């Protein structure tokens, strides 16, 4: 069992090294979702809605 765990750990490390930007994207997305679900206040959500609207507008103009 240890061999499998070590191989999996090595594979995970190798993937993260090859895909740094994508791994960062996934980590940030997960953090944002967790914050919204578990900690955000009404004020936070209102500010985020405004920021999301601005971001959507920017992306649609490209």
PDB file of N, CA and C in Angstrom:
ATOM      1  N   UNK A   1       0.825  -1.195   0.000  1.00  0.00           N
ATOM      2  CA  UNK A   1       0.000   0.000   0.000  1.00  0.00           C
ATOM      3  C   UNK A   1       0.872   1.264   0.000  1.00  0.00           C
ATOM      4  N   UNK A   2       1.957   1.238   0.730  1.00  0.00           N
ATOM      5  CA  UNK A   2       2.853   2.395   0.784  1.00  0.00           C
ATOM      6  C   UNK A   2       3.402   2.755  -0.592  1.00  0.00           C
ATOM      7  N   UNK A   3       3.722   1.756  -1.375  1.00  0.00           N
ATOM      8  CA  UNK A   3       4.261   2.002  -2.712  1.00  0.00           C
ATOM      9  C   UNK A   3       3.250   2.778  -3.548  1.00  0.00           C
ATOM     10  N   UNK A   4       1.991   2.391  -3.461  1.00  0.00           N
ATOM     11  CA  UNK A   4       0.945   3.062  -4.227  1.00  0.00           C
ATOM     12  C   UNK A   4       0.784   4.500  -3.758  1.00  0.00           C
ATOM     13  N   UNK A   5       0.793   4.711  -2.451  1.00  0.00           N
ATOM     14  CA  UNK A   5       0.656   6.064  -1.911  1.00  0.00           C
ATOM     15  C   UNK A   5       1.824   6.934  -2.354  1.00  0.00           C
ATOM     16  N   UNK A   6       3.028   6.396  -2.308  1.00  0.00           N
ATOM     17  CA  UNK A   6       4.201   7.160  -2.730  1.00  0.00           C
ATOM     18  C   UNK A   6       4.144   7.487  -4.213  1.00  0.00           C
ATOM     19  N   UNK A   7       3.720   6.538  -5.017  1.00  0.00           N
ATOM     20  CA  UNK A   7       3.607   6.780  -6.455  1.00  0.00           C
ATOM     21  C   UNK A   7       2.548   7.836  -6.732  1.00  0.00           C
ATOM     22  N   UNK A   8       1.447   7.780  -6.001  1.00  0.00           N
ATOM     23  CA  UNK A   8       0.389   8.775  -6.193  1.00  0.00           C
ATOM     24  C   UNK A   8       0.883  10.157  -5.782  1.00  0.00           C
ATOM     25  N   UNK A   9       1.590  10.230  -4.665  1.00  0.00           N
ATOM     26  CA  UNK A   9       2.146  11.501  -4.202  1.00  0.00           C
ATOM     27  C   UNK A   9       3.114  12.064  -5.236  1.00  0.00           C
ATOM     28  N   UNK A  10       3.958  11.210  -5.778  1.00  0.00           N
ATOM     29  CA  UNK A  10       4.900  11.637  -6.814  1.00  0.00           C
ATOM     30  C   UNK A  10       4.165  12.106  -8.063  1.00  0.00           C
ATOM     31  N   UNK A  11       3.132  11.385  -8.448  1.00  0.00           N
ATOM     32  CA  UNK A  11       2.351  11.767  -9.631  1.00  0.00           C
ATOM     33  C   UNK A  11       1.669  13.111  -9.410  1.00  0.00           C
ATOM     34  N   UNK A  12       1.128  13.320  -8.218  1.00  0.00           N
ATOM     35  CA  UNK A  12       0.483  14.601  -7.905  1.00  0.00           C
ATOM     36  C   UNK A  12       1.488  15.745  -7.976  1.00  0.00           C
ATOM     37  N   UNK A  13       2.656  15.538  -7.403  1.00  0.00           N
ATOM     38  CA  UNK A  13       3.699  16.567  -7.409  1.00  0.00           C
ATOM     39  C   UNK A  13       4.131  16.884  -8.840  1.00  0.00           C
ATOM     40  N   UNK A  14       4.314  15.843  -9.642  1.00  0.00           N
ATOM     41  CA  UNK A  14       4.721  16.018 -11.036  1.00  0.00           C
ATOM     42  C   UNK A  14       3.656  16.799 -11.810  1.00  0.00           C
ATOM     43  N   UNK A  15       2.382  16.461 -11.593  1.00  0.00           N
ATOM     44  CA  UNK A  15       1.296  17.167 -12.284  1.00  0.00           C
ATOM     45  C   UNK A  15       1.296  18.638 -11.890  1.00  0.00           C
ATOM     46  N   UNK A  16       1.434  18.922 -10.596  1.00  0.00           N
ATOM     47  CA  UNK A  16       1.417  20.311 -10.136  1.00  0.00           C
ATOM     48  C   UNK A  16       2.581  21.110 -10.704  1.00  0.00           C
ATOM     49  N   UNK A  17       3.737  20.489 -10.825  1.00  0.00           N
ATOM     50  CA  UNK A  17       4.890  21.177 -11.411  1.00  0.00           C
ATOM     51  C   UNK A  17       4.666  21.477 -12.888  1.00  0.00           C
ATOM     52  N   UNK A  18       4.030  20.565 -13.596  1.00  0.00           N
ATOM     53  CA  UNK A  18       3.769  20.756 -15.025  1.00  0.00           C
ATOM     54  C   UNK A  18       2.628  21.737 -15.273  1.00  0.00           C
ATOM     55  N   UNK A  19       1.728  21.858 -14.312  1.00  0.00           N
ATOM     56  CA  UNK A  19       0.506  22.642 -14.509  1.00  0.00           C
ATOM     57  C   UNK A  19       0.345  23.708 -13.430  1.00  0.00           C
ATOM     58  N   UNK A  20       1.411  24.459 -13.182  1.00  0.00           N
ATOM     59  CA  UNK A  20       1.390  25.445 -12.093  1.00  0.00           C
ATOM     60  C   UNK A  20       0.247  26.452 -12.214  1.00  0.00           C
ATOM     61  N   UNK A  21       0.086  27.020 -13.383  1.00  0.00           N
ATOM     62  CA  UNK A  21      -0.952  28.041 -13.569  1.00  0.00           C
ATOM     63  C   UNK A  21      -2.344  27.459 -13.371  1.00  0.00           C
ATOM     64  N   UNK A  22      -2.589  26.302 -13.931  1.00  0.00           N
ATOM     65  CA  UNK A  22      -3.907  25.678 -13.801  1.00  0.00           C
ATOM     66  C   UNK A  22      -4.165  25.269 -12.352  1.00  0.00           C
ATOM     67  N   UNK A  23      -3.138  24.768 -11.678  1.00  0.00           N
ATOM     68  CA  UNK A  23      -3.275  24.399 -10.264  1.00  0.00           C
ATOM     69  C   UNK A  23      -3.595  25.636  -9.428  1.00  0.00           C
ATOM     70  N   UNK A  24      -2.940  26.756  -9.724  1.00  0.00           N
ATOM     71  CA  UNK A  24      -3.214  28.014  -9.012  1.00  0.00           C
ATOM     72  C   UNK A  24      -4.655  28.463  -9.266  1.00  0.00           C
ATOM     73  N   UNK A  25      -5.092  28.372 -10.524  1.00  0.00           N
ATOM     74  CA  UNK A  25      -6.465  28.726 -10.880  1.00  0.00           C
ATOM     75  C   UNK A  25      -7.462  27.889 -10.079  1.00  0.00           C
ATOM     76  N   UNK A  26      -7.256  26.576 -10.046  1.00  0.00           N
ATOM     77  CA  UNK A  26      -8.169  25.683  -9.323  1.00  0.00           C
ATOM     78  C   UNK A  26      -8.173  25.981  -7.825  1.00  0.00           C
ATOM     79  N   UNK A  27      -7.005  26.244  -7.260  1.00  0.00           N
ATOM     80  CA  UNK A  27      -6.899  26.553  -5.834  1.00  0.00           C
ATOM     81  C   UNK A  27      -7.628  27.864  -5.506  1.00  0.00           C
ATOM     82  N   UNK A  28      -7.425  28.891  -6.338  1.00  0.00           N
ATOM     83  CA  UNK A  28      -8.092  30.176  -6.110  1.00  0.00           C
ATOM     84  C   UNK A  28      -9.603  30.063  -6.265  1.00  0.00           C
ATOM     85  N   UNK A  29     -10.040  29.309  -7.259  1.00  0.00           N
ATOM     86  CA  UNK A  29     -11.477  29.115  -7.464  1.00  0.00           C
ATOM     87  C   UNK A  29     -12.098  28.408  -6.270  1.00  0.00           C
ATOM     88  N   UNK A  30     -11.437  27.410  -5.776  1.00  0.00           N
ATOM     89  CA  UNK A  30     -11.922  26.670  -4.612  1.00  0.00           C
ATOM     90  C   UNK A  30     -12.010  27.571  -3.385  1.00  0.00           C
ATOM     91  N   UNK A  31     -10.998  28.408  -3.190  1.00  0.00           N
ATOM     92  CA  UNK A  31     -10.985  29.336  -2.059  1.00  0.00           C
ATOM     93  C   UNK A  31     -12.145  30.324  -2.159  1.00  0.00           C
ATOM     94  N   UNK A  32     -12.375  30.856  -3.346  1.00  0.00           N
ATOM     95  CA  UNK A  32     -13.461  31.818  -3.544  1.00  0.00           C
ATOM     96  C   UNK A  32     -14.820  31.181  -3.269  1.00  0.00           C
ATOM     97  N   UNK A  33     -15.028  29.994  -3.791  1.00  0.00           N
ATOM     98  CA  UNK A  33     -16.309  29.303  -3.577  1.00  0.00           C
ATOM     99  C   UNK A  33     -16.534  29.003  -2.101  1.00  0.00           C
ATOM    100  N   UNK A  34     -15.496  28.565  -1.436  1.00  0.00           N
ATOM    101  CA  UNK A  34     -15.596  28.246  -0.011  1.00  0.00           C
ATOM    102  C   UNK A  34     -15.932  29.496   0.794  1.00  0.00           C
ATOM    103  N   UNK A  35     -15.288  30.607   0.484  1.00  0.00           N
ATOM    104  CA  UNK A  35     -15.566  31.864   1.173  1.00  0.00           C
ATOM    105  C   UNK A  35     -17.025  32.264   0.989  1.00  0.00           C
ATOM    106  N   UNK A  36     -17.507  32.191  -0.241  1.00  0.00           N
ATOM    107  CA  UNK A  36     -18.888  32.581  -0.531  1.00  0.00           C
ATOM    108  C   UNK A  36     -19.867  31.700   0.231  1.00  0.00           C
ATOM    109  N   UNK A  37     -19.630  30.411   0.238  1.00  0.00           N
ATOM    110  CA  UNK A  37     -20.557  29.479   0.885  1.00  0.00           C
ATOM    111  C   UNK A  37     -20.530  29.551   2.407  1.00  0.00           C
ATOM    112  N   UNK A  38     -19.359  29.781   2.991  1.00  0.00           N
ATOM    113  CA  UNK A  38     -19.213  29.595   4.431  1.00  0.00           C
ATOM    114  C   UNK A  38     -19.019  30.861   5.252  1.00  0.00           C
ATOM    115  N   UNK A  39     -18.488  31.939   4.671  1.00  0.00           N
ATOM    116  CA  UNK A  39     -18.121  33.087   5.486  1.00  0.00           C
ATOM    117  C   UNK A  39     -18.691  34.419   5.027  1.00  0.00           C
ATOM    118  N   UNK A  40     -19.036  34.544   3.777  1.00  0.00           N
ATOM    119  CA  UNK A  40     -19.418  35.841   3.225  1.00  0.00           C
ATOM    120  C   UNK A  40     -20.654  36.412   3.913  1.00  0.00           C
ATOM    121  N   UNK A  41     -20.570  37.702   4.199  1.00  0.00           N
ATOM    122  CA  UNK A  41     -21.712  38.420   4.751  1.00  0.00           C
ATOM    123  C   UNK A  41     -22.535  38.970   3.584  1.00  0.00           C
ATOM    124  N   UNK A  42     -23.685  39.525   3.892  1.00  0.00           N
ATOM    125  CA  UNK A  42     -24.510  40.140   2.856  1.00  0.00           C
ATOM    126  C   UNK A  42     -23.733  41.254   2.162  1.00  0.00           C
ATOM    127  N   UNK A  43     -22.999  42.043   2.933  1.00  0.00           N
ATOM    128  CA  UNK A  43     -22.180  43.113   2.364  1.00  0.00           C
ATOM    129  C   UNK A  43     -21.130  42.547   1.403  1.00  0.00           C
ATOM    130  N   UNK A  44     -20.475  41.482   1.825  1.00  0.00           N
ATOM    131  CA  UNK A  44     -19.476  40.832   0.967  1.00  0.00           C
ATOM    132  C   UNK A  44     -20.113  40.383  -0.341  1.00  0.00           C
ATOM    133  N   UNK A  45     -21.270  39.750  -0.245  1.00  0.00           N
ATOM    134  CA  UNK A  45     -21.937  39.230  -1.439  1.00  0.00           C
ATOM    135  C   UNK A  45     -22.350  40.357  -2.379  1.00  0.00           C
ATOM    136  N   UNK A  46     -22.793  41.475  -1.821  1.00  0.00           N
ATOM    137  CA  UNK A  46     -23.168  42.613  -2.656  1.00  0.00           C
ATOM    138  C   UNK A  46     -21.947  43.169  -3.386  1.00  0.00           C
ATOM    139  N   UNK A  47     -20.829  43.267  -2.684  1.00  0.00           N
ATOM    140  CA  UNK A  47     -19.601  43.744  -3.319  1.00  0.00           C
ATOM    141  C   UNK A  47     -19.142  42.769  -4.402  1.00  0.00           C
ATOM    142  N   UNK A  48     -19.223  41.482  -4.106  1.00  0.00           N
ATOM    143  CA  UNK A  48     -18.824  40.478  -5.088  1.00  0.00           C
ATOM    144  C   UNK A  48     -19.717  40.520  -6.325  1.00  0.00           C
ATOM    145  N   UNK A  49     -21.015  40.737  -6.133  1.00  0.00           N
ATOM    146  CA  UNK A  49     -21.926  40.847  -7.280  1.00  0.00           C
ATOM    147  C   UNK A  49     -21.511  42.004  -8.177  1.00  0.00           C
ATOM    148  N   UNK A  50     -21.131  43.123  -7.565  1.00  0.00           N
ATOM    149  CA  UNK A  50     -20.687  44.287  -8.336  1.00  0.00           C
ATOM    150  C   UNK A  50     -19.407  43.952  -9.104  1.00  0.00           C
ATOM    151  N   UNK A  51     -18.448  43.331  -8.425  1.00  0.00           N
ATOM    152  CA  UNK A  51     -17.188  42.959  -9.071  1.00  0.00           C
ATOM    153  C   UNK A  51     -17.411  41.948 -10.190  1.00  0.00           C
ATOM    154  N   UNK A  52     -18.301  41.006  -9.964  1.00  0.00           N
ATOM    155  CA  UNK A  52     -18.604  40.000 -10.986  1.00  0.00           C
ATOM    156  C   UNK A  52     -19.236  40.662 -12.206  1.00  0.00           C
ATOM    157  N   UNK A  53     -20.143  41.594 -11.977  1.00  0.00           N
ATOM    158  CA  UNK A  53     -20.764  42.318 -13.083  1.00  0.00           C
ATOM    159  C   UNK A  53     -19.735  43.068 -13.915  1.00  0.00           C
ATOM    160  N   UNK A  54     -18.800  43.730 -13.243  1.00  0.00           N
ATOM    161  CA  UNK A  54     -17.749  44.463 -13.950  1.00  0.00           C
ATOM    162  C   UNK A  54     -16.867  43.507 -14.748  1.00  0.00           C
ATOM    163  N   UNK A  55     -16.532  42.390 -14.152  1.00  0.00           N
ATOM    164  CA  UNK A  55     -15.669  41.407 -14.818  1.00  0.00           C
ATOM    165  C   UNK A  55     -16.366  40.815 -16.042  1.00  0.00           C
ATOM    166  N   UNK A  56     -17.659  40.512 -15.904  1.00  0.00           N
ATOM    167  CA  UNK A  56     -18.421  39.972 -17.031  1.00  0.00           C
ATOM    168  C   UNK A  56     -18.466  40.984 -18.172  1.00  0.00           C
ATOM    169  N   UNK A  57     -18.636  42.248 -17.818  1.00  0.00           N
ATOM    170  CA  UNK A  57     -18.677  43.306 -18.831  1.00  0.00           C
ATOM    171  C   UNK A  57     -17.339  43.381 -19.561  1.00  0.00           C
ATOM    172  N   UNK A  58     -16.242  43.350 -18.808  1.00  0.00           N
ATOM    173  CA  UNK A  58     -14.906  43.381 -19.412  1.00  0.00           C
ATOM    174  C   UNK A  58     -14.692  42.194 -20.350  1.00  0.00           C
ATOM    175  N   UNK A  59     -15.080  41.014 -19.907  1.00  0.00           N
ATOM    176  CA  UNK A  59     -14.871  39.813 -20.717  1.00  0.00           C
ATOM    177  C   UNK A  59     -15.733  39.809 -21.974  1.00  0.00           C
ATOM    178  N   UNK A  60     -16.931  40.364 -21.888  1.00  0.00           N
ATOM    179  CA  UNK A  60     -17.821  40.364 -23.055  1.00  0.00           C
ATOM    180  C   UNK A  60     -17.372  41.374 -24.108  1.00  0.00           C
ATOM    181  N   UNK A  61     -16.538  42.339 -23.721  1.00  0.00           N
ATOM    182  CA  UNK A  61     -16.052  43.350 -24.666  1.00  0.00           C
ATOM    183  C   UNK A  61     -14.815  42.893 -25.426  1.00  0.00           C
ATOM    184  N   UNK A  62     -14.274  41.760 -25.076  1.00  0.00           N
ATOM    185  CA  UNK A  62     -13.060  41.259 -25.746  1.00  0.00           C
ATOM    186  C   UNK A  62     -13.369  40.623 -27.056  1.00  0.00           C
TER     187      UNK A  62
END
